[in-house]
C-alpha atoms as a PDB file:
ATOM      1  CA  UNK A   1       0.000   0.000   0.000  1.00  0.00           C
ATOM      2  CA  UNK A   2       1.113   3.538  -0.773  1.00  0.00           C
ATOM      3  CA  UNK A   3       0.424   6.739   1.099  1.00  0.00           C
ATOM      4  CA  UNK A   4      -1.787   9.309  -0.622  1.00  0.00           C
ATOM      5  CA  UNK A   5      -3.146  12.750   0.129  1.00  0.00           C
ATOM      6  CA  UNK A   6      -6.452  14.007  -1.185  1.00  0.00           C
ATOM      7  CA  UNK A   7      -8.030  17.449  -1.260  1.00  0.00           C
ATOM      8  CA  UNK A   8     -11.807  17.360  -1.389  1.00  0.00           C
ATOM      9  CA  UNK A   9     -14.015  20.357  -2.044  1.00  0.00           C
ATOM     10  CA  UNK A  10     -17.500  19.756  -0.698  1.00  0.00           C
ATOM     11  CA  UNK A  11     -20.668  21.595  -1.713  1.00  0.00           C
ATOM     12  CA  UNK A  12     -21.069  24.542   0.682  1.00  0.00           C
ATOM     13  CA  UNK A  13     -24.621  25.208  -0.538  1.00  0.00           C
ATOM     14  CA  UNK A  14     -26.097  21.881   0.537  1.00  0.00           C
ATOM     15  CA  UNK A  15     -29.070  22.699   2.741  1.00  0.00           C
ATOM     16  CA  UNK A  16     -30.079  19.081   3.274  1.00  0.00           C
ATOM     17  CA  UNK A  17     -26.766  17.920   4.771  1.00  0.00           C
ATOM     18  CA  UNK A  18     -24.354  19.397   7.278  1.00  0.00           C
ATOM     19  CA  UNK A  19     -20.597  19.500   6.738  1.00  0.00           C
ATOM     20  CA  UNK A  20     -20.141  16.541   9.108  1.00  0.00           C
ATOM     21  CA  UNK A  21     -22.830  14.519   7.305  1.00  0.00           C
ATOM     22  CA  UNK A  22     -21.147  15.080   3.934  1.00  0.00           C
ATOM     23  CA  UNK A  23     -17.753  14.186   5.422  1.00  0.00           C
ATOM     24  CA  UNK A  24     -19.172  10.968   6.892  1.00  0.00           C
ATOM     25  CA  UNK A  25     -20.523   9.995   3.463  1.00  0.00           C
ATOM     26  CA  UNK A  26     -17.096  10.674   1.926  1.00  0.00           C
ATOM     27  CA  UNK A  27     -15.359   8.604   4.616  1.00  0.00           C
ATOM     28  CA  UNK A  28     -17.757   5.704   4.041  1.00  0.00           C
ATOM     29  CA  UNK A  29     -16.986   5.841   0.294  1.00  0.00           C
ATOM     30  CA  UNK A  30     -13.257   5.650   1.078  1.00  0.00           C
ATOM     31  CA  UNK A  31     -13.776   2.737   3.463  1.00  0.00           C
ATOM     32  CA  UNK A  32     -16.095   1.052   0.948  1.00  0.00           C
ATOM     33  CA  UNK A  33     -13.221   1.072  -1.535  1.00  0.00           C
ATOM     34  CA  UNK A  34     -11.012  -0.664   1.077  1.00  0.00           C
ATOM     35  CA  UNK A  35      -8.979   2.469   1.838  1.00  0.00           C
ATOM     36  CA  UNK A  36      -7.518   3.150   5.292  1.00  0.00           C
ATOM     37  CA  UNK A  37      -7.867   6.831   6.274  1.00  0.00           C
ATOM     38  CA  UNK A  38      -4.962   7.943   8.475  1.00  0.00           C
ATOM     39  CA  UNK A  39      -5.718  11.654   8.968  1.00  0.00           C
ATOM     40  CA  UNK A  40      -8.567  14.116   8.364  1.00  0.00           C
ATOM     41  CA  UNK A  41      -7.955  17.870   8.306  1.00  0.00           C
ATOM     42  CA  UNK A  42     -10.981  20.154   8.032  1.00  0.00           C
ATOM     43  CA  UNK A  43      -9.885  23.429   6.453  1.00  0.00           C
ATOM     44  CA  UNK A  44     -13.265  25.177   6.496  1.00  0.00           C
ATOM     45  CA  UNK A  45     -15.317  27.092   3.970  1.00  0.00           C
ATOM     46  CA  UNK A  46     -13.383  29.152   1.437  1.00  0.00           C
ATOM     47  CA  UNK A  47     -14.446  31.252  -1.520  1.00  0.00           C
ATOM     48  CA  UNK A  48     -13.366  30.346  -5.046  1.00  0.00           C
ATOM     49  CA  UNK A  49     -11.031  32.668  -6.950  1.00  0.00           C
ATOM     50  CA  UNK A  50     -12.999  32.133 -10.159  1.00  0.00           C
ATOM     51  CA  UNK A  51     -16.737  31.644  -9.906  1.00  0.00           C
ATOM     52  CA  UNK A  52     -18.446  29.833 -12.776  1.00  0.00           C
ATOM     53  CA  UNK A  53     -21.905  30.055 -11.208  1.00  0.00           C
ATOM     54  CA  UNK A  54     -22.866  32.598  -8.555  1.00  0.00           C
ATOM     55  CA  UNK A  55     -24.707  29.952  -6.558  1.00  0.00           C
ATOM     56  CA  UNK A  56     -21.424  28.030  -6.141  1.00  0.00           C
ATOM     57  CA  UNK A  57     -19.114  30.792  -4.918  1.00  0.00           C
ATOM     58  CA  UNK A  58     -17.500  28.770  -2.100  1.00  0.00           C
ATOM     59  CA  UNK A  59     -16.663  25.241  -1.028  1.00  0.00           C
ATOM     60  CA  UNK A  60     -15.782  23.329   2.125  1.00  0.00           C
ATOM     61  CA  UNK A  61     -12.178  22.140   1.907  1.00  0.00           C
ATOM     62  CA  UNK A  62     -11.076  18.871   3.537  1.00  0.00           C
ATOM     63  CA  UNK A  63      -7.657  17.248   3.337  1.00  0.00           C
ATOM     64  CA  UNK A  64      -7.468  13.456   3.797  1.00  0.00           C
ATOM     65  CA  UNK A  65      -4.392  11.273   4.116  1.00  0.00           C
ATOM     66  CA  UNK A  66      -4.833   7.584   3.455  1.00  0.00           C
ATOM     67  CA  UNK A  67      -3.190   4.295   2.507  1.00  0.00           C
ATOM     68  CA  UNK A  68      -4.296   2.533  -0.654  1.00  0.00           C
ATOM     69  CA  UNK A  69      -3.203   0.791  -3.834  1.00  0.00           C
ATOM     70  CA  UNK A  70      -3.384   2.431  -7.256  1.00  0.00           C
ATOM     71  CA  UNK A  71      -6.428   0.329  -8.168  1.00  0.00           C
ATOM     72  CA  UNK A  72      -8.241   1.478  -5.019  1.00  0.00           C
ATOM     73  CA  UNK A  73      -7.588   5.126  -5.900  1.00  0.00           C
ATOM     74  CA  UNK A  74      -8.985   4.691  -9.423  1.00  0.00           C
ATOM     75  CA  UNK A  75     -12.068   2.985  -7.976  1.00  0.00           C
ATOM     76  CA  UNK A  76     -12.447   5.851  -5.507  1.00  0.00           C
ATOM     77  CA  UNK A  77     -12.316   8.507  -8.242  1.00  0.00           C
ATOM     78  CA  UNK A  78     -15.102   6.782 -10.178  1.00  0.00           C
ATOM     79  CA  UNK A  79     -17.292   6.703  -7.036  1.00  0.00           C
ATOM     80  CA  UNK A  80     -17.309  10.526  -6.802  1.00  0.00           C
ATOM     81  CA  UNK A  81     -18.025  11.413 -10.438  1.00  0.00           C
ATOM     82  CA  UNK A  82     -21.796  11.736  -9.914  1.00  0.00           C
ATOM     83  CA  UNK A  83     -21.801  12.772  -6.237  1.00  0.00           C
ATOM     84  CA  UNK A  84     -23.391  16.236  -5.993  1.00  0.00           C
ATOM     85  CA  UNK A  85     -21.873  16.841  -2.539  1.00  0.00           C
ATOM     86  CA  UNK A  86     -18.296  16.719  -3.889  1.00  0.00           C
ATOM     87  CA  UNK A  87     -17.128  19.428  -6.318  1.00  0.00           C
ATOM     88  CA  UNK A  88     -13.545  18.194  -6.673  1.00  0.00           C
ATOM     89  CA  UNK A  89     -11.423  15.260  -5.603  1.00  0.00           C
ATOM     90  CA  UNK A  90      -7.712  15.787  -6.135  1.00  0.00           C
ATOM     91  CA  UNK A  91      -5.383  12.913  -5.231  1.00  0.00           C
ATOM     92  CA  UNK A  92      -1.606  12.867  -5.121  1.00  0.00           C
ATOM     93  CA  UNK A  93       0.775  10.204  -3.988  1.00  0.00           C
ATOM     94  CA  UNK A  94       2.521  11.106  -0.727  1.00  0.00           C
ATOM     95  CA  UNK A  95       6.272  11.093  -0.205  1.00  0.00           C
ATOM     96  CA  UNK A  96       7.604   7.741   0.982  1.00  0.00           C
ATOM     97  CA  UNK A  97       8.310   7.757   4.684  1.00  0.00           C
ATOM     98  CA  UNK A  98      11.856   6.916   5.707  1.00  0.00           C
ATOM     99  CA  UNK A  99      10.995   5.343   9.024  1.00  0.00           C
ATOM    100  CA  UNK A 100      13.466   5.040  11.902  1.00  0.00           C
ATOM    101  CA  UNK A 101      15.963   2.951   9.911  1.00  0.00           C
ATOM    102  CA  UNK A 102      15.943   5.422   6.992  1.00  0.00           C
ATOM    103  CA  UNK A 103      16.595   8.343   9.322  1.00  0.00           C
ATOM    104  CA  UNK A 104      19.531   6.544  10.939  1.00  0.00           C
ATOM    105  CA  UNK A 105      21.029   5.662   7.549  1.00  0.00           C
ATOM    106  CA  UNK A 106      20.660   9.185   6.152  1.00  0.00           C
ATOM    107  CA  UNK A 107      22.221  10.816   9.230  1.00  0.00           C
ATOM    108  CA  UNK A 108      25.194   8.409   9.171  1.00  0.00           C
ATOM    109  CA  UNK A 109      26.282   9.571   5.715  1.00  0.00           C
END
């Protein structure tokens, strides 16, 4: 499994669901794909620099760190294509962690 980081932009105009409800749905989608979430960082509501539609002038930003395989990530992306609560899902592969042995080896050089 590799480490990944994902930035999600949730729909700030959803009147039916709260921010926590939308985040719980997102987490269940991740877990449904077999992905282990290691960290959740809520970054709050932020306005968009460029507004395509006035009704969507802001989004709720959430940063997730997780462990998954490449196949799991592709499956995850397809799960959010038609989800109206999620504007964007950006995923990048995290830097490999050195661990205690890697730190000891790099400091010995």
